[in-house]
Protein backbone atom coordinates (compact mmCIF):
# COMPACT_ATOMS: atom_id res chain seq x y z
CA MET A 1 85.59 76.29 30.03
CA GLU A 2 85.44 76.90 33.86
CA GLU A 3 86.70 74.11 36.10
CA TYR A 4 83.41 71.77 37.69
CA LYS A 5 83.94 72.19 41.50
CA GLU A 6 81.91 69.84 43.78
CA TYR A 7 81.30 72.98 45.85
CA ILE A 8 80.98 76.72 46.09
CA ILE A 9 83.26 78.71 48.36
CA ARG A 10 82.54 82.39 49.66
CA GLU A 11 83.84 84.58 52.44
CA ALA A 12 81.56 84.69 54.98
CA HIS A 13 83.33 87.47 57.78
CA THR A 14 80.93 86.68 60.48
CA ASP A 15 82.00 86.15 64.29
CA GLU A 16 81.32 82.63 64.05
CA PHE A 17 83.17 82.06 60.77
CA GLU A 18 85.44 83.05 57.75
CA ILE A 19 84.64 80.95 54.94
CA TYR A 20 81.36 79.59 53.77
CA ILE A 21 80.98 76.28 51.46
CA VAL A 22 77.92 74.68 49.87
CA CYS A 23 78.90 71.14 48.59
CA LEU A 24 77.33 70.56 45.24
CA SER A 25 78.33 66.77 44.97
CA PHE A 26 76.45 63.80 46.69
CA GLU A 27 79.88 62.71 47.35
CA SER A 28 81.12 62.66 51.02
CA ILE A 29 83.13 65.88 51.33
CA ALA A 30 86.39 63.91 52.29
CA ASN A 31 86.32 62.84 48.80
CA TYR A 32 87.40 66.76 47.76
CA LEU A 33 88.71 68.22 50.75
CA GLU A 34 92.29 68.80 49.28
CA LYS A 35 90.97 70.19 46.40
CA ILE A 36 89.18 72.73 48.84
CA SER A 37 92.26 73.03 51.04
CA GLN A 38 93.68 74.24 47.66
CA GLU A 39 91.72 77.33 47.60
CA GLU A 40 93.01 80.66 47.83
CA LEU A 41 90.89 81.79 50.51
CA ILE A 42 91.74 78.74 52.62
CA GLN A 43 95.49 79.06 51.63
CA THR A 44 95.86 82.49 52.99
CA SER A 45 94.05 82.77 56.16
CA LYS A 46 93.10 81.34 59.35
CA GLY A 47 89.74 80.48 61.43
CA LYS A 48 86.83 78.31 60.86
CA ILE A 49 84.61 77.18 57.54
CA LEU A 50 81.04 76.63 57.68
CA ILE A 51 79.97 73.80 55.31
CA ASP A 52 76.31 73.17 54.24
CA GLN A 53 76.26 69.69 53.19
CA LEU A 54 72.30 69.52 52.14
CA LEU A 55 72.98 67.52 49.01
CA ILE A 56 75.44 64.99 50.99
CA THR A 57 73.04 64.14 54.30
CA GLY A 58 70.24 65.94 53.23
CA ASN A 59 68.19 68.47 55.76
CA GLY A 60 68.77 66.76 59.15
CA LYS A 61 71.12 67.60 62.12
CA ASN A 62 74.28 66.67 60.14
CA ARG A 63 73.57 69.46 57.30
CA PHE A 64 75.76 71.78 58.52
CA LEU A 65 79.49 71.71 59.91
CA LEU A 66 81.70 74.09 61.60
CA CYS A 67 85.40 73.14 61.09
CA GLU A 68 88.53 75.00 61.65
CA PHE A 69 91.14 75.83 59.06
CA ASP A 70 95.06 77.54 59.55
CA ASN A 71 96.62 78.70 56.22
CA GLY A 72 95.61 75.28 53.68
CA ASN A 73 95.65 73.12 56.94
CA ILE A 74 91.83 72.02 57.49
CA ILE A 75 91.55 70.39 60.81
CA VAL A 76 89.35 67.74 60.48
CA ASP A 77 89.15 66.63 64.26
CA SER A 78 87.79 70.11 65.11
CA SER A 79 84.68 69.68 62.87
CA GLU A 80 81.09 69.53 64.76
CA ASN A 81 77.62 69.69 63.60
CA VAL A 82 76.04 73.30 63.90
CA GLU A 83 72.97 75.27 63.54
CA PRO A 84 73.19 78.24 61.64
CA ASP A 85 70.95 81.07 61.33
CA ASP A 86 68.56 80.89 58.54
CA SER A 87 70.55 83.55 56.55
CA TYR A 88 73.19 80.49 55.46
CA LYS A 89 69.81 78.67 54.36
CA GLU A 90 68.54 81.21 52.47
CA LYS A 91 72.29 81.63 50.80
CA THR A 92 72.45 77.70 50.04
CA ILE A 93 69.23 78.30 48.26
CA LYS A 94 70.36 81.10 46.15
CA LEU A 95 73.34 79.11 45.05
CA LEU A 96 71.51 75.95 44.67
CA ASN A 97 68.82 77.86 42.69
CA LYS A 98 71.76 78.59 39.85
CA ASN A 99 72.68 74.83 39.37
CA LYS A 100 69.14 73.59 38.78
CA ASP A 101 70.82 70.66 37.01
CA ILE A 102 72.50 69.57 40.12
CA ILE A 103 68.99 69.74 42.15
CA GLU A 104 67.12 67.33 40.07
CA ASN A 105 69.39 64.19 40.38
CA SER A 106 70.25 65.21 44.37
CA ILE A 107 68.63 62.95 47.30
CA LEU A 108 66.44 65.92 48.23
CA THR A 109 62.66 65.29 48.65
CA ASP A 110 60.32 66.70 45.72
CA ALA A 111 59.14 68.92 48.63
CA GLU A 112 62.81 70.53 49.07
CA LYS A 113 63.65 70.45 45.55
CA ASN A 114 60.06 72.89 45.34
CA ASN A 115 61.57 74.54 47.61
CA ILE A 116 64.81 75.57 46.39
CA TYR A 117 62.99 76.50 42.92
CA ASN A 118 61.10 78.89 44.73
CA ASN A 119 63.54 80.50 47.09
CA VAL A 120 61.54 78.67 50.28
CA ILE A 121 63.84 78.44 53.30
CA PHE A 122 63.42 74.86 54.97
């Protein structure tokens, strides 16, 4: 059985960042930052991570964080709120659509949940 993770991690390879993370937990990302830093993608490269905290913060200005990392070291002091292009909101919706049980018990409004279920960007 695959280990449950509080996040989904993917390579991004954009000009702005190398890694994209979607949080699957309502808990602060600080609670599992150490686990993220152990991921092979984080251990073997450096650059920036885009973190989507939709299920933690909701769909507000704190939703997306951009943070630097360097071979396993996530530099928390470098984090800043950003607004990426809608393609990352779309990616998040597709990833969350495969985890509907997590969505059902989240802080999201019914309208936001329905948007995810229907693949509508918000």
